[in-house]
Every structure is written in structure tokens, then in C-alpha cells.
């Protein structure tokens, strides 16, 4: 019984050895500027026009784009599709069951 306890304890503590054996890895830096509003607005525009056809942002409302410095009129003109309001969530019409069939979406 004591051997089984030691074996289970060693299995639980095994992942700690992997963390201890880590080496110093040099990571690349990205030229990200999180306060560049123009870049963030372009990214939001690209997402809505190209990515949102397949990838929903169901927990995001169009009205939150005002955080990027856009006015409600700009959001209506450039982001909100016909039939939706600025306060609506950013959902898509694709069903979840159809999503696995789209292997071509982000592979290019």
C-alpha cells in the first residue's frame, strides 16, 4: 500500500521536473503598439470584413468599437451589417455544426 502511495505521489510531482529543466529561451519581440488607435481601427475593420464571416465575436457588441475612438455613425457606416443595430452582438449566421467543414478558412 505504501508503494502505491509513493508511485501516485511521484506521478503527481512529475510535471514539476519539466518546469525545473527549462532553459533561457530568447523570444522575438513584436512591434505592437496597443495605444495606436488608427491601427486598432484598421484591425477591427479587417476583422469585420474578412474574418467575421466564419469567426463570430458573440461576446462583443458593435457599440464597444467606440472604445477605439470611432463614433456611432462611423460604426453604422462601416461595421454594422444591414438589419442590425449598434447595440447588437457581433454574431454570424453560420451554425456551429457547419464550422468543422470549413478547413480552407484560415489556412492561407
N, C-alpha and C. Protein backbone atom coordinates (compact mmCIF):
# COMPACT_ATOMS: atom_id res chain seq x y z
N UNK A 1 0.82 -1.19 0.00
CA UNK A 1 0.00 0.00 0.00
C UNK A 1 0.87 1.25 0.00
N UNK A 2 1.97 1.19 0.75
CA UNK A 2 2.86 2.33 0.85
C UNK A 2 3.53 2.60 -0.51
N UNK A 3 3.84 1.54 -1.24
CA UNK A 3 4.47 1.70 -2.55
C UNK A 3 3.51 2.37 -3.54
N UNK A 4 2.24 2.05 -3.46
CA UNK A 4 1.24 2.65 -4.33
C UNK A 4 1.14 4.15 -4.05
N UNK A 5 1.19 4.54 -2.80
CA UNK A 5 1.14 5.96 -2.44
C UNK A 5 2.35 6.70 -2.99
N UNK A 6 3.54 6.09 -2.86
CA UNK A 6 4.74 6.73 -3.39
C UNK A 6 4.69 6.85 -4.91
N UNK A 7 4.16 5.83 -5.54
CA UNK A 7 4.04 5.85 -7.00
C UNK A 7 3.08 6.96 -7.45
N UNK A 8 1.93 7.08 -6.80
CA UNK A 8 0.97 8.13 -7.15
C UNK A 8 1.55 9.51 -6.86
N UNK A 9 2.27 9.65 -5.76
CA UNK A 9 2.89 10.92 -5.44
C UNK A 9 3.94 11.30 -6.48
N UNK A 10 4.70 10.31 -6.94
CA UNK A 10 5.70 10.61 -7.97
C UNK A 10 5.03 11.00 -9.29
N UNK A 11 3.89 10.42 -9.62
CA UNK A 11 3.17 10.81 -10.83
C UNK A 11 2.64 12.24 -10.74
N UNK A 12 2.21 12.61 -9.56
CA UNK A 12 1.68 13.96 -9.36
C UNK A 12 2.80 15.00 -9.46
N UNK A 13 3.97 14.67 -8.93
CA UNK A 13 5.08 15.62 -8.91
C UNK A 13 5.92 15.61 -10.19
N UNK A 14 5.68 14.69 -11.10
CA UNK A 14 6.46 14.56 -12.33
C UNK A 14 6.45 15.84 -13.19
N UNK A 15 5.32 16.52 -13.36
CA UNK A 15 5.34 17.74 -14.18
C UNK A 15 6.25 18.84 -13.63
N UNK A 16 6.48 18.86 -12.34
CA UNK A 16 7.36 19.88 -11.76
C UNK A 16 8.78 19.75 -12.28
N UNK A 17 9.20 18.54 -12.62
CA UNK A 17 10.54 18.35 -13.18
C UNK A 17 10.67 19.02 -14.54
N UNK A 18 9.61 19.02 -15.29
CA UNK A 18 9.66 19.66 -16.62
C UNK A 18 9.83 21.17 -16.48
N UNK A 19 9.20 21.78 -15.50
CA UNK A 19 9.36 23.21 -15.29
C UNK A 19 10.76 23.54 -14.82
N UNK A 20 11.33 22.69 -14.02
CA UNK A 20 12.66 22.95 -13.47
C UNK A 20 13.75 22.81 -14.53
N UNK A 21 13.51 22.07 -15.58
CA UNK A 21 14.55 21.84 -16.58
C UNK A 21 14.52 22.86 -17.71
N UNK A 22 13.74 23.91 -17.60
CA UNK A 22 13.63 24.91 -18.66
C UNK A 22 14.92 25.70 -18.83
N UNK A 23 15.24 26.03 -20.07
CA UNK A 23 16.43 26.81 -20.38
C UNK A 23 16.02 28.25 -20.69
N UNK A 24 16.99 29.13 -20.74
CA UNK A 24 16.72 30.51 -21.11
C UNK A 24 16.47 30.58 -22.60
N UNK A 25 15.28 30.94 -22.98
CA UNK A 25 14.89 30.99 -24.38
C UNK A 25 14.71 32.46 -24.76
N UNK A 26 15.34 32.86 -25.85
CA UNK A 26 15.19 34.23 -26.33
C UNK A 26 13.93 34.30 -27.21
N UNK A 27 12.98 35.11 -26.82
CA UNK A 27 11.75 35.27 -27.58
C UNK A 27 11.85 36.49 -28.47
N UNK A 28 11.26 36.41 -29.64
CA UNK A 28 11.22 37.55 -30.54
C UNK A 28 10.26 38.60 -29.98
N UNK A 29 10.57 39.83 -30.25
CA UNK A 29 9.68 40.90 -29.84
C UNK A 29 8.84 41.34 -31.03
N UNK A 30 7.62 41.70 -30.76
CA UNK A 30 6.72 42.17 -31.81
C UNK A 30 6.54 43.68 -31.67
N UNK A 31 6.51 44.38 -32.78
CA UNK A 31 6.34 45.84 -32.70
C UNK A 31 4.87 46.22 -32.49
N UNK A 32 4.34 45.84 -31.35
CA UNK A 32 2.93 46.08 -31.05
C UNK A 32 2.80 47.39 -30.30
N UNK A 33 1.86 48.20 -30.76
CA UNK A 33 1.57 49.46 -30.09
C UNK A 33 0.09 49.45 -29.70
N UNK A 34 -0.21 49.01 -28.47
CA UNK A 34 -1.62 48.89 -28.08
C UNK A 34 -2.36 50.23 -27.97
N UNK A 35 -1.65 51.33 -28.02
CA UNK A 35 -2.31 52.64 -27.94
C UNK A 35 -2.46 53.31 -29.29
N UNK A 36 -2.08 52.64 -30.37
CA UNK A 36 -2.21 53.18 -31.71
C UNK A 36 -3.64 52.96 -32.20
N UNK A 37 -4.48 53.96 -32.02
CA UNK A 37 -5.92 53.82 -32.33
C UNK A 37 -6.18 53.58 -33.81
N UNK A 38 -5.42 54.21 -34.68
CA UNK A 38 -5.63 54.03 -36.12
C UNK A 38 -5.37 52.58 -36.51
N UNK A 39 -4.32 51.99 -35.97
CA UNK A 39 -4.01 50.59 -36.25
C UNK A 39 -5.11 49.67 -35.71
N UNK A 40 -5.60 49.96 -34.50
CA UNK A 40 -6.67 49.15 -33.92
C UNK A 40 -7.96 49.27 -34.73
N UNK A 41 -8.24 50.46 -35.24
CA UNK A 41 -9.43 50.64 -36.08
C UNK A 41 -9.30 49.87 -37.38
N UNK A 42 -8.09 49.89 -37.98
CA UNK A 42 -7.88 49.12 -39.21
C UNK A 42 -8.03 47.62 -38.94
N UNK A 43 -7.52 47.17 -37.79
CA UNK A 43 -7.66 45.76 -37.42
C UNK A 43 -9.11 45.36 -37.22
N UNK A 44 -9.88 46.22 -36.58
CA UNK A 44 -11.30 45.92 -36.38
C UNK A 44 -12.02 45.88 -37.73
N UNK A 45 -11.68 46.81 -38.62
CA UNK A 45 -12.30 46.84 -39.95
C UNK A 45 -11.95 45.57 -40.73
N UNK A 46 -10.68 45.14 -40.65
CA UNK A 46 -10.27 43.91 -41.34
C UNK A 46 -10.99 42.69 -40.77
N UNK A 47 -11.13 42.64 -39.44
CA UNK A 47 -11.82 41.51 -38.82
C UNK A 47 -13.27 41.44 -39.27
N UNK A 48 -13.96 42.57 -39.24
CA UNK A 48 -15.38 42.58 -39.61
C UNK A 48 -15.55 42.22 -41.09
N UNK A 49 -14.67 42.69 -41.95
CA UNK A 49 -14.82 42.45 -43.38
C UNK A 49 -14.36 41.07 -43.82
N UNK A 50 -13.32 40.53 -43.22
CA UNK A 50 -12.73 39.28 -43.72
C UNK A 50 -12.89 38.10 -42.79
N UNK A 51 -12.77 38.29 -41.51
CA UNK A 51 -12.75 37.17 -40.57
C UNK A 51 -14.12 36.83 -39.99
N UNK A 52 -14.96 37.85 -39.85
CA UNK A 52 -16.23 37.65 -39.17
C UNK A 52 -17.22 36.82 -39.99
N UNK A 53 -16.92 36.52 -41.21
CA UNK A 53 -17.78 35.64 -41.97
C UNK A 53 -17.82 34.24 -41.38
N UNK A 54 -16.71 33.83 -40.79
CA UNK A 54 -16.63 32.50 -40.18
C UNK A 54 -16.47 32.56 -38.67
N UNK A 55 -15.79 33.59 -38.19
CA UNK A 55 -15.45 33.67 -36.77
C UNK A 55 -16.33 34.71 -36.07
N UNK A 56 -17.18 34.23 -35.22
CA UNK A 56 -18.08 35.11 -34.50
C UNK A 56 -17.35 35.82 -33.37
N UNK A 57 -17.86 36.96 -33.00
CA UNK A 57 -17.40 37.68 -31.82
C UNK A 57 -18.63 37.87 -30.94
N UNK A 58 -19.24 36.76 -30.57
CA UNK A 58 -20.56 36.75 -29.94
C UNK A 58 -20.59 37.42 -28.58
N UNK A 59 -19.45 37.65 -27.96
CA UNK A 59 -19.43 38.31 -26.66
C UNK A 59 -19.05 39.78 -26.78
N UNK A 60 -19.03 40.30 -28.00
CA UNK A 60 -18.65 41.68 -28.26
C UNK A 60 -19.82 42.40 -28.93
N UNK A 61 -20.10 43.60 -28.52
CA UNK A 61 -21.13 44.40 -29.15
C UNK A 61 -20.49 45.41 -30.08
N UNK A 62 -21.18 45.75 -31.14
CA UNK A 62 -20.67 46.76 -32.07
C UNK A 62 -20.41 48.08 -31.34
N UNK A 63 -21.21 48.38 -30.34
CA UNK A 63 -21.07 49.65 -29.63
C UNK A 63 -19.74 49.76 -28.89
N UNK A 64 -19.07 48.64 -28.61
CA UNK A 64 -17.78 48.69 -27.92
C UNK A 64 -16.67 49.21 -28.82
N UNK A 65 -16.94 49.33 -30.11
CA UNK A 65 -15.95 49.91 -31.02
C UNK A 65 -15.74 51.39 -30.76
N UNK A 66 -16.61 51.99 -29.96
CA UNK A 66 -16.38 53.38 -29.56
C UNK A 66 -15.14 53.49 -28.67
N UNK A 67 -14.72 52.38 -28.05
CA UNK A 67 -13.51 52.38 -27.24
C UNK A 67 -12.27 52.62 -28.11
N UNK A 68 -12.40 52.36 -29.41
CA UNK A 68 -11.29 52.58 -30.34
C UNK A 68 -11.30 53.99 -30.92
N UNK A 69 -12.21 54.81 -30.46
CA UNK A 69 -12.28 56.19 -30.93
C UNK A 69 -13.22 56.39 -32.11
N UNK A 70 -14.03 55.41 -32.42
CA UNK A 70 -14.99 55.54 -33.52
C UNK A 70 -16.29 56.14 -33.00
N UNK A 71 -16.95 56.90 -33.85
CA UNK A 71 -18.26 57.43 -33.49
C UNK A 71 -19.34 56.41 -33.85
N UNK A 72 -20.52 56.58 -33.30
CA UNK A 72 -21.61 55.64 -33.62
C UNK A 72 -21.97 55.70 -35.09
N UNK A 73 -21.86 56.86 -35.70
CA UNK A 73 -22.15 56.97 -37.13
C UNK A 73 -21.12 56.20 -37.96
N UNK A 74 -19.85 56.28 -37.58
CA UNK A 74 -18.82 55.51 -38.28
C UNK A 74 -19.06 54.01 -38.12
N UNK A 75 -19.46 53.59 -36.93
CA UNK A 75 -19.74 52.18 -36.70
C UNK A 75 -20.91 51.72 -37.57
N UNK A 76 -21.96 52.54 -37.65
CA UNK A 76 -23.11 52.20 -38.51
C UNK A 76 -22.70 52.11 -39.97
N UNK A 77 -21.88 53.06 -40.42
CA UNK A 77 -21.50 53.12 -41.83
C UNK A 77 -20.55 52.01 -42.25
N UNK A 78 -19.60 51.65 -41.39
CA UNK A 78 -18.51 50.78 -41.82
C UNK A 78 -18.48 49.40 -41.18
N UNK A 79 -19.22 49.18 -40.10
CA UNK A 79 -19.10 47.92 -39.39
C UNK A 79 -20.40 47.13 -39.28
N UNK A 80 -21.50 47.80 -39.01
CA UNK A 80 -22.76 47.11 -38.73
C UNK A 80 -23.42 46.69 -40.04
N UNK A 81 -23.71 45.39 -40.20
CA UNK A 81 -24.40 44.95 -41.42
C UNK A 81 -25.86 45.39 -41.42
N UNK A 82 -26.47 45.31 -42.58
CA UNK A 82 -27.87 45.72 -42.73
C UNK A 82 -28.75 44.85 -41.83
N UNK A 83 -29.71 45.48 -41.20
CA UNK A 83 -30.64 44.76 -40.34
C UNK A 83 -30.19 44.63 -38.91
N UNK A 84 -29.00 45.12 -38.57
CA UNK A 84 -28.51 45.06 -37.20
C UNK A 84 -28.39 46.46 -36.64
N UNK A 85 -28.30 46.55 -35.33
CA UNK A 85 -28.16 47.83 -34.65
C UNK A 85 -26.79 47.92 -33.99
N UNK A 86 -26.41 49.12 -33.60
CA UNK A 86 -25.10 49.33 -32.97
C UNK A 86 -25.01 48.58 -31.65
N UNK A 87 -26.09 48.38 -30.95
CA UNK A 87 -26.07 47.69 -29.67
C UNK A 87 -26.12 46.18 -29.76
N UNK A 88 -26.24 45.62 -30.96
CA UNK A 88 -26.32 44.17 -31.13
C UNK A 88 -24.94 43.52 -30.95
N UNK A 89 -24.96 42.23 -30.62
CA UNK A 89 -23.71 41.48 -30.51
C UNK A 89 -23.24 41.09 -31.91
N UNK A 90 -21.95 40.83 -32.03
CA UNK A 90 -21.34 40.54 -33.33
C UNK A 90 -21.42 39.03 -33.63
N UNK A 91 -22.60 38.58 -33.99
CA UNK A 91 -22.79 37.16 -34.28
C UNK A 91 -22.78 36.94 -35.79
N UNK A 92 -22.69 35.67 -36.16
CA UNK A 92 -22.72 35.30 -37.58
C UNK A 92 -23.87 34.33 -37.80
N UNK A 93 -24.20 34.10 -39.04
CA UNK A 93 -25.34 33.22 -39.33
C UNK A 93 -24.93 31.76 -39.47
N UNK A 94 -23.64 31.47 -39.48
CA UNK A 94 -23.19 30.08 -39.62
C UNK A 94 -23.53 29.27 -38.37
N UNK A 95 -24.01 28.06 -38.59
CA UNK A 95 -24.32 27.16 -37.50
C UNK A 95 -23.03 26.49 -37.01
N UNK A 96 -22.96 26.14 -35.73
CA UNK A 96 -21.76 25.50 -35.18
C UNK A 96 -21.48 24.17 -35.85
N UNK A 97 -22.51 23.48 -36.30
CA UNK A 97 -22.32 22.18 -36.94
C UNK A 97 -21.63 22.32 -38.29
N UNK A 98 -21.75 23.48 -38.94
CA UNK A 98 -21.12 23.68 -40.24
C UNK A 98 -19.66 24.13 -40.13
N UNK A 99 -19.24 24.59 -38.99
CA UNK A 99 -17.90 25.15 -38.83
C UNK A 99 -16.77 24.15 -39.09
N UNK A 100 -16.85 22.89 -38.66
CA UNK A 100 -15.73 21.97 -38.94
C UNK A 100 -15.52 21.70 -40.43
N UNK A 101 -16.49 21.98 -41.25
CA UNK A 101 -16.36 21.72 -42.69
C UNK A 101 -15.56 22.81 -43.41
N UNK A 102 -15.23 23.89 -42.74
CA UNK A 102 -14.53 25.00 -43.37
C UNK A 102 -13.04 24.93 -43.05
N UNK A 103 -12.34 24.01 -43.66
CA UNK A 103 -10.90 23.86 -43.40
C UNK A 103 -10.10 24.88 -44.18
N UNK A 104 -10.66 25.52 -45.16
CA UNK A 104 -9.93 26.47 -46.01
C UNK A 104 -9.88 27.87 -45.42
N UNK A 105 -10.64 28.13 -44.39
CA UNK A 105 -10.84 29.50 -43.91
C UNK A 105 -9.55 30.20 -43.54
N UNK A 106 -8.81 29.68 -42.60
CA UNK A 106 -7.64 30.38 -42.09
C UNK A 106 -6.34 29.70 -42.48
N UNK A 107 -6.36 28.77 -43.38
CA UNK A 107 -5.16 28.02 -43.72
C UNK A 107 -4.28 28.75 -44.73
N UNK A 108 -4.75 29.84 -45.33
CA UNK A 108 -3.92 30.52 -46.31
C UNK A 108 -3.12 31.63 -45.70
